[in-house]
Amino acid sequence: MDQNEAKEAYITKVSHLIEIYGLA
């Protein structure tokens, strides 16, 4: 996996977690 891909996957995952906790 490319470093840029890994960074994007991490950002997407974190953003999703923030959405979940933001609604909690």
PDB file of N, CA and C in Angstrom:
ATOM      1  N   MET A   1       0.852  -1.202   0.000  1.00  0.00           N
ATOM      2  CA  MET A   1       0.000   0.000   0.000  1.00  0.00           C
ATOM      3  C   MET A   1       0.889   1.254   0.000  1.00  0.00           C
ATOM      4  N   ASP A   2       0.457   2.211  -0.765  1.00  0.00           N
ATOM      5  CA  ASP A   2       1.136   3.495  -0.894  1.00  0.00           C
ATOM      6  C   ASP A   2       0.959   4.302   0.412  1.00  0.00           C
ATOM      7  N   GLN A   3       1.918   5.114   0.724  1.00  0.00           N
ATOM      8  CA  GLN A   3       1.831   5.912   1.963  1.00  0.00           C
ATOM      9  C   GLN A   3       0.645   6.887   1.885  1.00  0.00           C
ATOM     10  N   ASN A   4       0.415   7.441   0.710  1.00  0.00           N
ATOM     11  CA  ASN A   4      -0.698   8.374   0.522  1.00  0.00           C
ATOM     12  C   ASN A   4      -2.037   7.660   0.709  1.00  0.00           C
ATOM     13  N   GLU A   5      -2.122   6.432   0.216  1.00  0.00           N
ATOM     14  CA  GLU A   5      -3.352   5.633   0.383  1.00  0.00           C
ATOM     15  C   GLU A   5      -3.604   5.364   1.857  1.00  0.00           C
ATOM     16  N   ALA A   6      -2.552   5.000   2.570  1.00  0.00           N
ATOM     17  CA  ALA A   6      -2.679   4.700   3.998  1.00  0.00           C
ATOM     18  C   ALA A   6      -3.162   5.943   4.744  1.00  0.00           C
ATOM     19  N   LYS A   7      -2.613   7.097   4.377  1.00  0.00           N
ATOM     20  CA  LYS A   7      -2.997   8.353   5.017  1.00  0.00           C
ATOM     21  C   LYS A   7      -4.482   8.642   4.764  1.00  0.00           C
ATOM     22  N   GLU A   8      -4.923   8.444   3.527  1.00  0.00           N
ATOM     23  CA  GLU A   8      -6.328   8.691   3.207  1.00  0.00           C
ATOM     24  C   GLU A   8      -7.250   7.737   3.937  1.00  0.00           C
ATOM     25  N   ALA A   9      -6.859   6.473   4.020  1.00  0.00           N
ATOM     26  CA  ALA A   9      -7.672   5.476   4.721  1.00  0.00           C
ATOM     27  C   ALA A   9      -7.786   5.850   6.200  1.00  0.00           C
ATOM     28  N   TYR A  10      -6.672   6.320   6.783  1.00  0.00           N
ATOM     29  CA  TYR A  10      -6.661   6.730   8.193  1.00  0.00           C
ATOM     30  C   TYR A  10      -7.584   7.929   8.406  1.00  0.00           C
ATOM     31  N   ILE A  11      -7.482   8.919   7.544  1.00  0.00           N
ATOM     32  CA  ILE A  11      -8.325  10.107   7.661  1.00  0.00           C
ATOM     33  C   ILE A  11      -9.805   9.740   7.546  1.00  0.00           C
ATOM     34  N   THR A  12     -10.122   8.862   6.596  1.00  0.00           N
ATOM     35  CA  THR A  12     -11.514   8.441   6.407  1.00  0.00           C
ATOM     36  C   THR A  12     -12.035   7.736   7.649  1.00  0.00           C
ATOM     37  N   LYS A  13     -11.213   6.847   8.210  1.00  0.00           N
ATOM     38  CA  LYS A  13     -11.606   6.085   9.401  1.00  0.00           C
ATOM     39  C   LYS A  13     -11.827   7.023  10.587  1.00  0.00           C
ATOM     40  N   VAL A  14     -10.900   7.939  10.793  1.00  0.00           N
ATOM     41  CA  VAL A  14     -11.009   8.888  11.905  1.00  0.00           C
ATOM     42  C   VAL A  14     -12.243   9.781  11.731  1.00  0.00           C
ATOM     43  N   SER A  15     -12.467  10.265  10.517  1.00  0.00           N
ATOM     44  CA  SER A  15     -13.630  11.120  10.264  1.00  0.00           C
ATOM     45  C   SER A  15     -14.926  10.372  10.573  1.00  0.00           C
ATOM     46  N   HIS A  16     -14.962   9.094  10.210  1.00  0.00           N
ATOM     47  CA  HIS A  16     -16.144   8.269  10.466  1.00  0.00           C
ATOM     48  C   HIS A  16     -16.359   8.091  11.970  1.00  0.00           C
ATOM     49  N   LEU A  17     -15.279   7.870  12.702  1.00  0.00           N
ATOM     50  CA  LEU A  17     -15.392   7.717  14.158  1.00  0.00           C
ATOM     51  C   LEU A  17     -15.880   9.017  14.791  1.00  0.00           C
ATOM     52  N   ILE A  18     -15.395  10.152  14.310  1.00  0.00           N
ATOM     53  CA  ILE A  18     -15.827  11.449  14.838  1.00  0.00           C
ATOM     54  C   ILE A  18     -17.327  11.629  14.593  1.00  0.00           C
ATOM     55  N   GLU A  19     -17.804  11.219  13.415  1.00  0.00           N
ATOM     56  CA  GLU A  19     -19.240  11.320  13.127  1.00  0.00           C
ATOM     57  C   GLU A  19     -20.047  10.484  14.103  1.00  0.00           C
ATOM     58  N   ILE A  20     -19.618   9.258  14.340  1.00  0.00           N
ATOM     59  CA  ILE A  20     -20.324   8.355  15.259  1.00  0.00           C
ATOM     60  C   ILE A  20     -20.358   8.948  16.672  1.00  0.00           C
ATOM     61  N   TYR A  21     -19.192   9.370  17.174  1.00  0.00           N
ATOM     62  CA  TYR A  21     -19.146   9.922  18.529  1.00  0.00           C
ATOM     63  C   TYR A  21     -19.838  11.274  18.612  1.00  0.00           C
ATOM     64  N   GLY A  22     -19.857  12.009  17.531  1.00  0.00           N
ATOM     65  CA  GLY A  22     -20.539  13.299  17.506  1.00  0.00           C
ATOM     66  C   GLY A  22     -22.050  13.140  17.658  1.00  0.00           C
ATOM     67  N   LEU A  23     -22.582  12.013  17.184  1.00  0.00           N
ATOM     68  CA  LEU A  23     -24.018  11.750  17.287  1.00  0.00           C
ATOM     69  C   LEU A  23     -24.396  11.117  18.616  1.00  0.00           C
ATOM     70  N   ALA A  24     -23.430  10.550  19.314  1.00  0.00           N
ATOM     71  CA  ALA A  24     -23.682   9.829  20.566  1.00  0.00           C
ATOM     72  C   ALA A  24     -24.067  10.810  21.679  1.00  0.00           C
TER      73      ALA A  24
END
